[in-house]
Amino acid sequence: MTYYETYGPDRTHDLGPDPTLHDPVSITESELGDWTEVRQQARLNDSAIGDYSYLMERVQLDHTTIGKFGNVAAAARLGPTNHPIDRPTAHHFTYRAAMYDLGADDESVFEWRADQPVEVGHDVWIGHGAMVLPGVTIGNGAVVGAGAVVVDDVAPYTIVAGVPAEPIRRRFPEDVAARIEATEWWHWDHATLADRLDAFRDLERFLDRYAPDDVDQSVPEQS
């Protein structure tokens, strides 16, 4: 399959059920869903992205799970490595000792990092250059503004921005968000998505056709 270096109305590329990787990329101990795409110089470590999610150039994921239909803009970093700062030095020679011929590595630091995963729901958009710190959970349908530093959990269908990131507004009113959430459209199969594409291009049409009228508006658990 041929890929073009420039994209636009007349220059496109096709994806398929198998993940599409634009080398060079670095992927270790990670899982990629169907119809996913990873662009050049992205790096995934101990992470997973769900069906239809894509990572643009230079995205870095560590100990991160992203649901389906995730949109991650260039240079975003989720779950960045954190150094132990309660030691006499923050330099990594204290736990990467072997590379400096100073002794055995300290595996407890790597275990500590893995114990602070980032959890991102479905249909989440992470803006250019944003950073999501270890231990953060981002709900379905949320949006993280470009350059934001997310230090606290983000509620579903909430837009956050800034350093540190703070809520700007809701993406939809609570009743509308609850109706969309109730459809769990991200679990629809490929044929259903194609059949209902016109509804995804118009909110009222989508709500009228597929969303229940009366749903619980409490914050749901991620699914």
N, C-alpha and C. Protein backbone atom coordinates (compact mmCIF):
# COMPACT_ATOMS: atom_id res chain seq x y z
N MET A 1 0.85 -1.19 0.00
CA MET A 1 0.00 0.00 0.00
C MET A 1 0.89 1.24 0.00
N THR A 2 0.52 2.23 -0.80
CA THR A 2 1.31 3.45 -0.93
C THR A 2 0.79 4.52 0.01
N TYR A 3 1.72 5.21 0.68
CA TYR A 3 1.36 6.33 1.55
C TYR A 3 2.03 7.58 1.01
N TYR A 4 1.32 8.72 1.10
CA TYR A 4 1.86 9.98 0.64
C TYR A 4 2.35 10.78 1.84
N GLU A 5 3.33 11.62 1.59
CA GLU A 5 3.88 12.45 2.66
C GLU A 5 3.04 13.69 2.90
N THR A 6 2.22 14.09 1.96
CA THR A 6 1.34 15.24 2.13
C THR A 6 -0.09 14.77 2.01
N TYR A 7 -0.99 15.45 2.72
CA TYR A 7 -2.38 15.02 2.77
C TYR A 7 -3.29 16.21 2.49
N GLY A 8 -4.41 15.95 1.91
CA GLY A 8 -5.37 16.99 1.60
C GLY A 8 -6.47 16.40 0.74
N PRO A 9 -7.34 17.25 0.18
CA PRO A 9 -8.45 16.73 -0.63
C PRO A 9 -8.02 15.82 -1.77
N ASP A 10 -6.85 16.08 -2.32
CA ASP A 10 -6.41 15.30 -3.47
C ASP A 10 -5.29 14.33 -3.14
N ARG A 11 -4.78 14.34 -1.92
CA ARG A 11 -3.69 13.44 -1.53
C ARG A 11 -4.09 12.78 -0.22
N THR A 12 -4.49 11.53 -0.28
CA THR A 12 -4.98 10.83 0.90
C THR A 12 -4.28 9.50 1.04
N HIS A 13 -4.56 8.83 2.14
CA HIS A 13 -4.08 7.47 2.32
C HIS A 13 -5.19 6.66 2.94
N ASP A 14 -5.14 5.37 2.70
CA ASP A 14 -6.18 4.48 3.18
C ASP A 14 -5.69 3.70 4.38
N LEU A 15 -6.61 3.46 5.31
CA LEU A 15 -6.33 2.61 6.45
C LEU A 15 -7.04 1.27 6.24
N GLY A 16 -6.70 0.30 7.09
CA GLY A 16 -7.33 -1.01 7.01
C GLY A 16 -7.54 -1.57 8.40
N PRO A 17 -8.16 -2.72 8.49
CA PRO A 17 -8.37 -3.33 9.82
C PRO A 17 -7.08 -3.55 10.60
N ASP A 18 -6.00 -3.87 9.91
CA ASP A 18 -4.72 -4.02 10.59
C ASP A 18 -4.15 -2.64 10.91
N PRO A 19 -3.44 -2.48 12.03
CA PRO A 19 -2.84 -1.18 12.36
C PRO A 19 -1.94 -0.68 11.24
N THR A 20 -1.98 0.63 11.01
CA THR A 20 -1.13 1.29 10.02
C THR A 20 -0.02 2.03 10.76
N LEU A 21 1.22 1.67 10.49
CA LEU A 21 2.37 2.27 11.14
C LEU A 21 3.19 3.02 10.10
N HIS A 22 3.52 4.27 10.40
CA HIS A 22 4.34 5.08 9.52
C HIS A 22 5.74 5.15 10.14
N ASP A 23 6.62 4.29 9.69
CA ASP A 23 7.96 4.21 10.26
C ASP A 23 8.71 5.54 10.10
N PRO A 24 9.60 5.88 11.06
CA PRO A 24 9.96 5.04 12.20
C PRO A 24 9.02 5.25 13.40
N VAL A 25 8.66 4.16 14.05
CA VAL A 25 7.93 4.21 15.31
C VAL A 25 8.57 3.21 16.26
N SER A 26 8.34 3.39 17.56
CA SER A 26 8.86 2.48 18.57
C SER A 26 7.69 1.99 19.41
N ILE A 27 7.46 0.67 19.38
CA ILE A 27 6.33 0.09 20.09
C ILE A 27 6.84 -1.11 20.89
N THR A 28 6.68 -1.05 22.22
CA THR A 28 7.11 -2.14 23.09
C THR A 28 5.98 -2.50 24.05
N GLU A 29 5.72 -3.80 24.16
CA GLU A 29 4.75 -4.33 25.11
C GLU A 29 3.42 -3.58 25.04
N SER A 30 2.92 -3.35 23.83
CA SER A 30 1.72 -2.55 23.63
C SER A 30 0.75 -3.25 22.68
N GLU A 31 -0.50 -2.80 22.70
CA GLU A 31 -1.55 -3.38 21.86
C GLU A 31 -2.21 -2.29 21.03
N LEU A 32 -2.46 -2.62 19.76
CA LEU A 32 -3.13 -1.70 18.84
C LEU A 32 -4.41 -2.36 18.33
N GLY A 33 -5.53 -1.63 18.39
CA GLY A 33 -6.79 -2.16 17.92
C GLY A 33 -6.91 -2.09 16.40
N ASP A 34 -8.08 -2.46 15.90
CA ASP A 34 -8.36 -2.42 14.47
C ASP A 34 -8.49 -0.97 13.99
N TRP A 35 -8.10 -0.74 12.75
CA TRP A 35 -8.24 0.56 12.11
C TRP A 35 -7.46 1.66 12.85
N THR A 36 -6.41 1.28 13.53
CA THR A 36 -5.60 2.28 14.23
C THR A 36 -4.48 2.78 13.33
N GLU A 37 -3.94 3.93 13.70
CA GLU A 37 -2.84 4.53 12.93
C GLU A 37 -1.85 5.16 13.89
N VAL A 38 -0.57 4.92 13.63
CA VAL A 38 0.51 5.51 14.43
C VAL A 38 1.47 6.18 13.46
N ARG A 39 1.63 7.49 13.63
CA ARG A 39 2.44 8.27 12.70
C ARG A 39 3.91 8.30 13.12
N GLN A 40 4.74 8.90 12.28
CA GLN A 40 6.18 8.85 12.44
C GLN A 40 6.66 9.36 13.80
N GLN A 41 7.67 8.69 14.30
CA GLN A 41 8.39 9.06 15.52
C GLN A 41 7.53 8.97 16.78
N ALA A 42 6.41 8.29 16.69
CA ALA A 42 5.63 8.02 17.91
C ALA A 42 6.29 6.88 18.68
N ARG A 43 6.03 6.88 20.00
CA ARG A 43 6.60 5.84 20.85
C ARG A 43 5.54 5.36 21.83
N LEU A 44 5.35 4.04 21.91
CA LEU A 44 4.41 3.43 22.85
C LEU A 44 5.16 2.44 23.72
N ASN A 45 4.96 2.55 25.01
CA ASN A 45 5.57 1.62 25.95
C ASN A 45 4.50 1.16 26.93
N ASP A 46 4.27 -0.14 27.01
CA ASP A 46 3.30 -0.70 27.94
C ASP A 46 1.97 0.04 27.84
N SER A 47 1.46 0.17 26.63
CA SER A 47 0.26 0.96 26.38
C SER A 47 -0.67 0.24 25.42
N ALA A 48 -1.88 0.77 25.27
CA ALA A 48 -2.86 0.18 24.36
C ALA A 48 -3.74 1.28 23.80
N ILE A 49 -4.07 1.17 22.51
CA ILE A 49 -5.03 2.09 21.90
C ILE A 49 -6.13 1.26 21.25
N GLY A 50 -7.37 1.71 21.44
CA GLY A 50 -8.52 0.97 20.96
C GLY A 50 -8.79 1.20 19.48
N ASP A 51 -9.78 0.48 18.97
CA ASP A 51 -10.14 0.54 17.56
C ASP A 51 -10.35 1.98 17.09
N TYR A 52 -9.86 2.28 15.89
CA TYR A 52 -10.03 3.57 15.21
C TYR A 52 -9.25 4.72 15.85
N SER A 53 -8.50 4.47 16.89
CA SER A 53 -7.72 5.54 17.50
C SER A 53 -6.47 5.81 16.67
N TYR A 54 -6.00 7.05 16.72
CA TYR A 54 -4.78 7.39 15.99
C TYR A 54 -3.88 8.29 16.81
N LEU A 55 -2.59 8.14 16.57
CA LEU A 55 -1.56 8.95 17.21
C LEU A 55 -0.80 9.69 16.12
N MET A 56 -0.74 10.99 16.22
CA MET A 56 0.00 11.77 15.23
C MET A 56 1.50 11.76 15.56
N GLU A 57 2.27 12.53 14.80
CA GLU A 57 3.73 12.48 14.91
C GLU A 57 4.21 12.82 16.32
N ARG A 58 5.21 12.08 16.77
CA ARG A 58 5.97 12.34 17.99
C ARG A 58 5.14 12.17 19.26
N VAL A 59 4.03 11.48 19.19
CA VAL A 59 3.26 11.18 20.41
C VAL A 59 4.02 10.13 21.23
N GLN A 60 4.00 10.29 22.55
CA GLN A 60 4.64 9.31 23.43
C GLN A 60 3.62 8.83 24.47
N LEU A 61 3.49 7.52 24.58
CA LEU A 61 2.60 6.91 25.57
C LEU A 61 3.41 5.99 26.47
N ASP A 62 3.26 6.14 27.76
CA ASP A 62 3.85 5.23 28.73
C ASP A 62 2.76 4.79 29.70
N HIS A 63 2.57 3.49 29.85
CA HIS A 63 1.61 2.94 30.80
C HIS A 63 0.24 3.62 30.62
N THR A 64 -0.20 3.70 29.37
CA THR A 64 -1.42 4.42 29.02
C THR A 64 -2.37 3.53 28.24
N THR A 65 -3.66 3.63 28.57
CA THR A 65 -4.70 2.95 27.81
C THR A 65 -5.63 4.01 27.23
N ILE A 66 -5.84 3.97 25.92
CA ILE A 66 -6.74 4.88 25.23
C ILE A 66 -7.87 4.05 24.63
N GLY A 67 -9.10 4.46 24.83
CA GLY A 67 -10.24 3.74 24.31
C GLY A 67 -10.37 3.83 22.80
N LYS A 68 -11.53 3.55 22.30
CA LYS A 68 -11.77 3.59 20.86
C LYS A 68 -12.00 5.03 20.38
N PHE A 69 -11.67 5.27 19.12
CA PHE A 69 -11.87 6.56 18.47
C PHE A 69 -11.12 7.68 19.20
N GLY A 70 -9.93 7.36 19.70
CA GLY A 70 -9.09 8.38 20.32
C GLY A 70 -8.39 9.22 19.27
N ASN A 71 -8.25 10.51 19.55
CA ASN A 71 -7.63 11.45 18.63
C ASN A 71 -6.48 12.14 19.37
N VAL A 72 -5.25 11.79 19.06
CA VAL A 72 -4.11 12.33 19.81
C VAL A 72 -3.23 13.11 18.83
N ALA A 73 -3.17 14.42 19.04
CA ALA A 73 -2.43 15.30 18.14
C ALA A 73 -0.92 15.18 18.37
N ALA A 74 -0.17 15.77 17.46
CA ALA A 74 1.29 15.65 17.46
C ALA A 74 1.90 16.16 18.75
N ALA A 75 2.98 15.49 19.14
CA ALA A 75 3.83 15.90 20.27
C ALA A 75 3.14 15.82 21.62
N ALA A 76 2.00 15.16 21.69
CA ALA A 76 1.37 14.94 23.00
C ALA A 76 2.13 13.86 23.75
N ARG A 77 2.10 13.94 25.07
CA ARG A 77 2.76 12.93 25.88
C ARG A 77 1.85 12.53 27.03
N LEU A 78 1.58 11.24 27.14
CA LEU A 78 0.69 10.71 28.16
C LEU A 78 1.46 9.73 29.03
N GLY A 79 1.37 9.94 30.35
CA GLY A 79 2.09 9.09 31.28
C GLY A 79 3.60 9.28 31.22
N PRO A 80 4.09 10.53 31.19
CA PRO A 80 5.54 10.74 31.09
C PRO A 80 6.26 10.14 32.28
N THR A 81 7.48 9.72 32.06
CA THR A 81 8.27 9.13 33.14
C THR A 81 8.50 10.16 34.24
N ASN A 82 8.40 9.69 35.48
CA ASN A 82 8.63 10.57 36.61
C ASN A 82 9.81 10.06 37.42
N HIS A 83 10.63 10.98 37.91
CA HIS A 83 11.83 10.62 38.65
C HIS A 83 11.55 10.66 40.15
N PRO A 84 12.13 9.77 40.91
CA PRO A 84 12.01 9.86 42.36
C PRO A 84 12.81 11.08 42.86
N ILE A 85 12.14 12.01 43.52
CA ILE A 85 12.82 13.24 43.93
C ILE A 85 13.07 13.27 45.44
N ASP A 86 12.82 12.13 46.09
CA ASP A 86 13.13 12.06 47.51
C ASP A 86 14.52 11.48 47.77
N ARG A 87 15.28 11.24 46.70
CA ARG A 87 16.64 10.73 46.82
C ARG A 87 17.62 11.91 46.78
N PRO A 88 18.88 11.69 47.12
CA PRO A 88 19.85 12.79 47.08
C PRO A 88 19.96 13.42 45.70
N THR A 89 19.68 12.65 44.65
CA THR A 89 19.68 13.16 43.29
C THR A 89 18.49 12.61 42.53
N ALA A 90 17.96 13.40 41.58
CA ALA A 90 16.87 12.94 40.71
C ALA A 90 17.41 12.25 39.46
N HIS A 91 18.72 12.27 39.25
CA HIS A 91 19.31 11.66 38.05
C HIS A 91 19.04 10.17 38.02
N HIS A 92 18.86 9.66 36.81
CA HIS A 92 18.45 8.26 36.70
C HIS A 92 19.59 7.25 36.87
N PHE A 93 20.80 7.72 37.17
CA PHE A 93 21.85 6.73 37.41
C PHE A 93 21.55 5.90 38.65
N THR A 94 20.69 6.42 39.55
CA THR A 94 20.41 5.66 40.77
C THR A 94 19.52 4.44 40.50
N TYR A 95 18.76 4.47 39.40
CA TYR A 95 17.95 3.30 39.06
C TYR A 95 18.28 2.70 37.71
N ARG A 96 19.03 3.39 36.90
CA ARG A 96 19.57 2.83 35.66
C ARG A 96 21.09 2.67 35.82
N ALA A 97 21.46 2.09 36.93
CA ALA A 97 22.88 2.03 37.28
C ALA A 97 23.70 1.22 36.30
N ALA A 98 23.11 0.15 35.75
CA ALA A 98 23.88 -0.75 34.89
C ALA A 98 24.44 -0.03 33.67
N MET A 99 23.69 0.91 33.10
CA MET A 99 24.15 1.58 31.89
C MET A 99 25.36 2.46 32.16
N TYR A 100 25.57 2.81 33.42
CA TYR A 100 26.74 3.60 33.80
C TYR A 100 27.82 2.74 34.45
N ASP A 101 27.64 1.42 34.43
CA ASP A 101 28.58 0.49 35.05
C ASP A 101 28.76 0.81 36.54
N LEU A 102 27.62 1.07 37.19
CA LEU A 102 27.64 1.41 38.62
C LEU A 102 26.99 0.35 39.49
N GLY A 103 26.50 -0.73 38.87
CA GLY A 103 25.83 -1.76 39.65
C GLY A 103 24.51 -2.14 39.03
N ALA A 104 23.68 -2.83 39.81
CA ALA A 104 22.41 -3.33 39.31
C ALA A 104 21.36 -2.22 39.27
N ASP A 105 20.43 -2.33 38.31
CA ASP A 105 19.31 -1.40 38.22
C ASP A 105 18.38 -1.56 39.43
N ASP A 106 17.65 -0.50 39.72
CA ASP A 106 16.66 -0.52 40.79
C ASP A 106 15.28 -0.69 40.16
N GLU A 107 14.79 -1.92 40.11
CA GLU A 107 13.53 -2.22 39.44
C GLU A 107 12.33 -1.59 40.15
N SER A 108 12.46 -1.24 41.41
CA SER A 108 11.32 -0.68 42.14
C SER A 108 10.84 0.63 41.51
N VAL A 109 11.74 1.37 40.89
CA VAL A 109 11.34 2.63 40.26
C VAL A 109 10.46 2.36 39.04
N PHE A 110 10.80 1.36 38.26
CA PHE A 110 9.99 1.04 37.09
C PHE A 110 8.63 0.48 37.50
N GLU A 111 8.59 -0.27 38.58
CA GLU A 111 7.33 -0.77 39.10
C GLU A 111 6.46 0.38 39.61
N TRP A 112 7.10 1.34 40.26
CA TRP A 112 6.40 2.53 40.74
C TRP A 112 5.75 3.29 39.58
N ARG A 113 6.46 3.43 38.48
CA ARG A 113 5.91 4.12 37.31
C ARG A 113 4.72 3.36 36.74
N ALA A 114 4.84 2.06 36.63
CA ALA A 114 3.77 1.26 36.05
C ALA A 114 2.52 1.27 36.92
N ASP A 115 2.66 1.53 38.19
CA ASP A 115 1.53 1.56 39.11
C ASP A 115 0.75 2.86 39.04
N GLN A 116 1.12 3.76 38.14
CA GLN A 116 0.42 5.05 37.98
C GLN A 116 -0.04 5.22 36.52
N PRO A 117 -0.88 4.30 36.02
CA PRO A 117 -1.26 4.35 34.61
C PRO A 117 -2.17 5.54 34.30
N VAL A 118 -2.20 5.90 33.03
CA VAL A 118 -3.15 6.88 32.50
C VAL A 118 -4.28 6.12 31.81
N GLU A 119 -5.52 6.48 32.13
CA GLU A 119 -6.68 5.83 31.53
C GLU A 119 -7.47 6.89 30.75
N VAL A 120 -7.63 6.66 29.45
CA VAL A 120 -8.35 7.59 28.58
C VAL A 120 -9.54 6.86 27.98
N GLY A 121 -10.71 7.48 28.05
CA GLY A 121 -11.93 6.85 27.56
C GLY A 121 -12.05 6.85 26.05
N HIS A 122 -13.26 6.64 25.57
CA HIS A 122 -13.56 6.62 24.14
C HIS A 122 -13.83 8.04 23.63
N ASP A 123 -13.55 8.26 22.35
CA ASP A 123 -13.87 9.53 21.69
C ASP A 123 -13.25 10.72 22.42
N VAL A 124 -12.01 10.58 22.85
CA VAL A 124 -11.30 11.67 23.53
C VAL A 124 -10.33 12.32 22.55
N TRP A 125 -10.26 13.64 22.59
CA TRP A 125 -9.34 14.39 21.73
C TRP A 125 -8.28 15.04 22.63
N ILE A 126 -7.03 14.68 22.38
CA ILE A 126 -5.89 15.25 23.09
C ILE A 126 -5.18 16.21 22.14
N GLY A 127 -5.12 17.49 22.50
CA GLY A 127 -4.58 18.50 21.60
C GLY A 127 -3.07 18.48 21.48
N HIS A 128 -2.58 19.25 20.53
CA HIS A 128 -1.16 19.31 20.18
C HIS A 128 -0.32 19.69 21.40
N GLY A 129 0.71 18.90 21.66
CA GLY A 129 1.66 19.22 22.71
C GLY A 129 1.13 19.10 24.12
N ALA A 130 -0.04 18.51 24.30
CA ALA A 130 -0.59 18.35 25.65
C ALA A 130 0.17 17.27 26.40
N MET A 131 0.12 17.37 27.73
CA MET A 131 0.75 16.37 28.58
C MET A 131 -0.26 15.91 29.62
N VAL A 132 -0.38 14.60 29.78
CA VAL A 132 -1.27 14.01 30.77
C VAL A 132 -0.39 13.26 31.77
N LEU A 133 -0.38 13.70 33.01
CA LEU A 133 0.53 13.14 33.99
C LEU A 133 0.09 11.76 34.47
N PRO A 134 1.02 10.97 34.99
CA PRO A 134 0.69 9.63 35.47
C PRO A 134 -0.44 9.65 36.49
N GLY A 135 -1.28 8.61 36.44
CA GLY A 135 -2.35 8.45 37.40
C GLY A 135 -3.64 9.15 37.03
N VAL A 136 -3.69 9.88 35.92
CA VAL A 136 -4.88 10.64 35.52
C VAL A 136 -5.84 9.76 34.72
N THR A 137 -7.15 9.97 34.94
CA THR A 137 -8.20 9.33 34.15
C THR A 137 -8.97 10.41 33.40
N ILE A 138 -9.20 10.19 32.11
CA ILE A 138 -9.94 11.13 31.27
C ILE A 138 -11.19 10.43 30.76
N GLY A 139 -12.35 11.01 31.01
CA GLY A 139 -13.61 10.37 30.68
C GLY A 139 -13.95 10.40 29.20
N ASN A 140 -14.92 9.58 28.82
CA ASN A 140 -15.39 9.52 27.44
C ASN A 140 -15.76 10.91 26.93
N GLY A 141 -15.42 11.18 25.66
CA GLY A 141 -15.87 12.39 25.01
C GLY A 141 -15.19 13.67 25.45
N ALA A 142 -14.19 13.60 26.31
CA ALA A 142 -13.52 14.80 26.79
C ALA A 142 -12.57 15.36 25.74
N VAL A 143 -12.19 16.62 25.94
CA VAL A 143 -11.25 17.31 25.05
C VAL A 143 -10.18 17.97 25.91
N VAL A 144 -8.91 17.76 25.55
CA VAL A 144 -7.77 18.39 26.24
C VAL A 144 -7.14 19.38 25.27
N GLY A 145 -7.11 20.65 25.66
CA GLY A 145 -6.60 21.69 24.79
C GLY A 145 -5.12 21.57 24.51
N ALA A 146 -4.69 22.17 23.41
CA ALA A 146 -3.29 22.15 23.01
C ALA A 146 -2.42 22.76 24.11
N GLY A 147 -1.32 22.11 24.40
CA GLY A 147 -0.37 22.61 25.37
C GLY A 147 -0.78 22.46 26.82
N ALA A 148 -1.91 21.83 27.07
CA ALA A 148 -2.38 21.68 28.45
C ALA A 148 -1.51 20.69 29.21
N VAL A 149 -1.45 20.86 30.52
CA VAL A 149 -0.81 19.90 31.40
C VAL A 149 -1.89 19.39 32.36
N VAL A 150 -2.30 18.15 32.16
CA VAL A 150 -3.43 17.59 32.91
C VAL A 150 -2.90 16.87 34.14
N VAL A 151 -3.25 17.39 35.31
CA VAL A 151 -2.76 16.82 36.56
C VAL A 151 -3.88 16.15 37.36
N ASP A 152 -5.13 16.44 37.01
CA ASP A 152 -6.28 15.87 37.70
C ASP A 152 -7.19 15.17 36.71
N ASP A 153 -8.05 14.28 37.22
CA ASP A 153 -8.99 13.57 36.36
C ASP A 153 -9.89 14.55 35.62
N VAL A 154 -10.32 14.16 34.41
CA VAL A 154 -11.20 14.98 33.57
C VAL A 154 -12.52 14.26 33.41
N ALA A 155 -13.62 14.94 33.73
CA ALA A 155 -14.95 14.34 33.64
C ALA A 155 -15.34 14.11 32.18
N PRO A 156 -16.22 13.14 31.93
CA PRO A 156 -16.68 12.90 30.56
C PRO A 156 -17.25 14.16 29.91
N TYR A 157 -17.02 14.31 28.62
CA TYR A 157 -17.56 15.40 27.81
C TYR A 157 -17.25 16.79 28.39
N THR A 158 -16.06 16.92 28.96
CA THR A 158 -15.60 18.19 29.50
C THR A 158 -14.37 18.64 28.72
N ILE A 159 -14.29 19.93 28.43
CA ILE A 159 -13.15 20.52 27.74
C ILE A 159 -12.25 21.18 28.78
N VAL A 160 -10.97 20.81 28.80
CA VAL A 160 -10.02 21.40 29.73
C VAL A 160 -8.87 22.01 28.95
N ALA A 161 -8.24 23.02 29.55
CA ALA A 161 -7.09 23.67 28.91
C ALA A 161 -6.28 24.38 29.99
N GLY A 162 -5.03 24.70 29.65
CA GLY A 162 -4.20 25.49 30.53
C GLY A 162 -3.18 24.68 31.29
N VAL A 163 -2.38 25.40 32.10
CA VAL A 163 -1.31 24.79 32.89
C VAL A 163 -1.43 25.30 34.33
N PRO A 164 -1.86 24.48 35.27
CA PRO A 164 -2.41 23.14 35.04
C PRO A 164 -3.78 23.23 34.39
N ALA A 165 -4.20 22.16 33.73
CA ALA A 165 -5.46 22.17 33.00
C ALA A 165 -6.64 22.34 33.95
N GLU A 166 -7.58 23.19 33.54
CA GLU A 166 -8.82 23.40 34.28
C GLU A 166 -10.00 23.33 33.32
N PRO A 167 -11.19 22.97 33.82
CA PRO A 167 -12.37 22.90 32.95
C PRO A 167 -12.68 24.27 32.33
N ILE A 168 -12.95 24.26 31.03
CA ILE A 168 -13.35 25.47 30.30
C ILE A 168 -14.86 25.50 30.13
N ARG A 169 -15.40 24.40 29.66
CA ARG A 169 -16.84 24.26 29.51
C ARG A 169 -17.14 22.80 29.20
N ARG A 170 -18.41 22.46 29.23
CA ARG A 170 -18.82 21.13 28.81
C ARG A 170 -18.92 21.09 27.29
N ARG A 171 -18.61 19.94 26.73
CA ARG A 171 -18.72 19.78 25.28
C ARG A 171 -20.18 19.81 24.85
N PHE A 172 -21.05 19.19 25.64
CA PHE A 172 -22.49 19.20 25.42
C PHE A 172 -23.17 19.42 26.76
N PRO A 173 -24.42 19.90 26.77
CA PRO A 173 -25.18 19.91 28.01
C PRO A 173 -25.26 18.49 28.60
N GLU A 174 -25.44 18.42 29.91
CA GLU A 174 -25.40 17.13 30.59
C GLU A 174 -26.40 16.14 30.02
N ASP A 175 -27.61 16.60 29.69
CA ASP A 175 -28.62 15.68 29.17
C ASP A 175 -28.24 15.14 27.80
N VAL A 176 -27.65 15.99 26.95
CA VAL A 176 -27.21 15.54 25.63
C VAL A 176 -26.04 14.57 25.75
N ALA A 177 -25.07 14.91 26.61
CA ALA A 177 -23.93 14.02 26.79
C ALA A 177 -24.38 12.66 27.30
N ALA A 178 -25.33 12.65 28.23
CA ALA A 178 -25.82 11.38 28.77
C ALA A 178 -26.50 10.54 27.69
N ARG A 179 -27.22 11.20 26.80
CA ARG A 179 -27.89 10.45 25.71
C ARG A 179 -26.87 9.86 24.75
N ILE A 180 -25.85 10.65 24.40
CA ILE A 180 -24.80 10.11 23.52
C ILE A 180 -24.09 8.95 24.20
N GLU A 181 -23.73 9.15 25.47
CA GLU A 181 -23.05 8.11 26.22
C GLU A 181 -23.85 6.81 26.24
N ALA A 182 -25.17 6.94 26.37
CA ALA A 182 -26.03 5.76 26.49
C ALA A 182 -26.05 4.92 25.21
N THR A 183 -25.74 5.53 24.07
CA THR A 183 -25.73 4.74 22.83
C THR A 183 -24.54 3.79 22.76
N GLU A 184 -23.44 4.15 23.47
CA GLU A 184 -22.19 3.40 23.37
C GLU A 184 -21.82 3.13 21.90
N TRP A 185 -21.94 4.18 21.09
CA TRP A 185 -21.74 4.03 19.65
C TRP A 185 -20.34 3.53 19.31
N TRP A 186 -19.37 3.76 20.20
CA TRP A 186 -17.99 3.34 19.92
C TRP A 186 -17.86 1.82 19.83
N HIS A 187 -18.87 1.09 20.28
CA HIS A 187 -18.84 -0.37 20.16
C HIS A 187 -19.58 -0.88 18.92
N TRP A 188 -20.17 0.02 18.13
CA TRP A 188 -20.83 -0.42 16.90
C TRP A 188 -19.80 -0.98 15.93
N ASP A 189 -20.20 -1.97 15.16
CA ASP A 189 -19.25 -2.59 14.23
C ASP A 189 -19.07 -1.70 13.00
N HIS A 190 -18.11 -2.10 12.16
CA HIS A 190 -17.72 -1.27 11.02
C HIS A 190 -18.88 -1.05 10.06
N ALA A 191 -19.66 -2.10 9.79
CA ALA A 191 -20.78 -1.98 8.87
C ALA A 191 -21.84 -1.02 9.41
N THR A 192 -22.07 -1.07 10.71
CA THR A 192 -23.05 -0.17 11.32
C THR A 192 -22.58 1.27 11.25
N LEU A 193 -21.31 1.51 11.49
CA LEU A 193 -20.77 2.85 11.38
C LEU A 193 -20.96 3.40 9.97
N ALA A 194 -20.69 2.58 8.98
CA ALA A 194 -20.85 3.01 7.59
C ALA A 194 -22.31 3.31 7.28
N ASP A 195 -23.21 2.46 7.78
CA ASP A 195 -24.64 2.63 7.51
C ASP A 195 -25.19 3.89 8.16
N ARG A 196 -24.60 4.29 9.30
CA ARG A 196 -25.13 5.42 10.07
C ARG A 196 -24.26 6.67 9.97
N LEU A 197 -23.40 6.69 8.96
CA LEU A 197 -22.45 7.80 8.84
C LEU A 197 -23.13 9.15 8.76
N ASP A 198 -24.25 9.25 8.06
CA ASP A 198 -24.91 10.54 7.91
C ASP A 198 -25.36 11.09 9.26
N ALA A 199 -25.72 10.22 10.20
CA ALA A 199 -26.15 10.68 11.52
C ALA A 199 -24.99 11.24 12.32
N PHE A 200 -23.78 10.72 12.09
CA PHE A 200 -22.62 11.24 12.80
C PHE A 200 -22.26 12.66 12.34
N ARG A 201 -22.81 13.08 11.22
CA ARG A 201 -22.52 14.41 10.69
C ARG A 201 -23.54 15.46 11.14
N ASP A 202 -24.51 15.04 11.95
CA ASP A 202 -25.53 15.97 12.43
C ASP A 202 -26.01 15.52 13.81
N LEU A 203 -25.75 16.34 14.83
CA LEU A 203 -26.04 15.94 16.20
C LEU A 203 -27.51 15.64 16.40
N GLU A 204 -28.40 16.51 15.94
CA GLU A 204 -29.83 16.28 16.16
C GLU A 204 -30.30 15.01 15.47
N ARG A 205 -29.79 14.76 14.30
CA ARG A 205 -30.16 13.54 13.59
C ARG A 205 -29.72 12.31 14.38
N PHE A 206 -28.49 12.37 14.91
CA PHE A 206 -27.98 11.25 15.70
C PHE A 206 -28.84 11.02 16.93
N LEU A 207 -29.15 12.09 17.65
CA LEU A 207 -29.96 11.96 18.86
C LEU A 207 -31.35 11.42 18.54
N ASP A 208 -31.95 11.95 17.49
CA ASP A 208 -33.32 11.53 17.13
C ASP A 208 -33.38 10.05 16.76
N ARG A 209 -32.34 9.58 16.07
CA ARG A 209 -32.39 8.21 15.55
C ARG A 209 -31.91 7.17 16.56
N TYR A 210 -30.90 7.49 17.35
CA TYR A 210 -30.22 6.42 18.08
C TYR A 210 -30.09 6.65 19.59
N ALA A 211 -30.35 7.85 20.07
CA ALA A 211 -30.15 8.11 21.49
C ALA A 211 -31.47 8.02 22.26
N PRO A 212 -31.49 7.36 23.42
CA PRO A 212 -32.70 7.32 24.23
C PRO A 212 -33.07 8.71 24.72
N ASP A 213 -34.36 8.96 24.91
CA ASP A 213 -34.82 10.28 25.32
C ASP A 213 -34.59 10.57 26.80
N ASP A 214 -34.66 9.55 27.63
CA ASP A 214 -34.59 9.76 29.07
C ASP A 214 -33.56 8.80 29.64
N VAL A 215 -32.42 9.36 30.09
CA VAL A 215 -31.36 8.52 30.64
C VAL A 215 -30.87 9.13 31.94
N ASP A 216 -30.21 8.30 32.74
CA ASP A 216 -29.59 8.74 33.98
C ASP A 216 -28.43 9.67 33.64
N GLN A 217 -28.42 10.88 34.21
CA GLN A 217 -27.39 11.85 33.89
C GLN A 217 -26.23 11.84 34.86
N SER A 218 -26.19 10.86 35.74
CA SER A 218 -25.05 10.74 36.63
C SER A 218 -23.82 10.33 35.85
N VAL A 219 -22.63 10.60 36.37
CA VAL A 219 -21.40 10.27 35.68
C VAL A 219 -21.26 8.76 35.58
N PRO A 220 -21.20 8.22 34.36
CA PRO A 220 -21.12 6.76 34.21
C PRO A 220 -19.71 6.24 34.38
N GLU A 221 -19.60 4.96 34.63
CA GLU A 221 -18.30 4.31 34.62
C GLU A 221 -17.85 4.13 33.19
N GLN A 222 -16.53 4.11 32.97
CA GLN A 222 -15.99 3.92 31.62
C GLN A 222 -16.32 2.51 31.13
N SER A 223 -16.66 2.39 29.87
CA SER A 223 -16.95 1.08 29.29
C SER A 223 -16.25 0.92 27.96
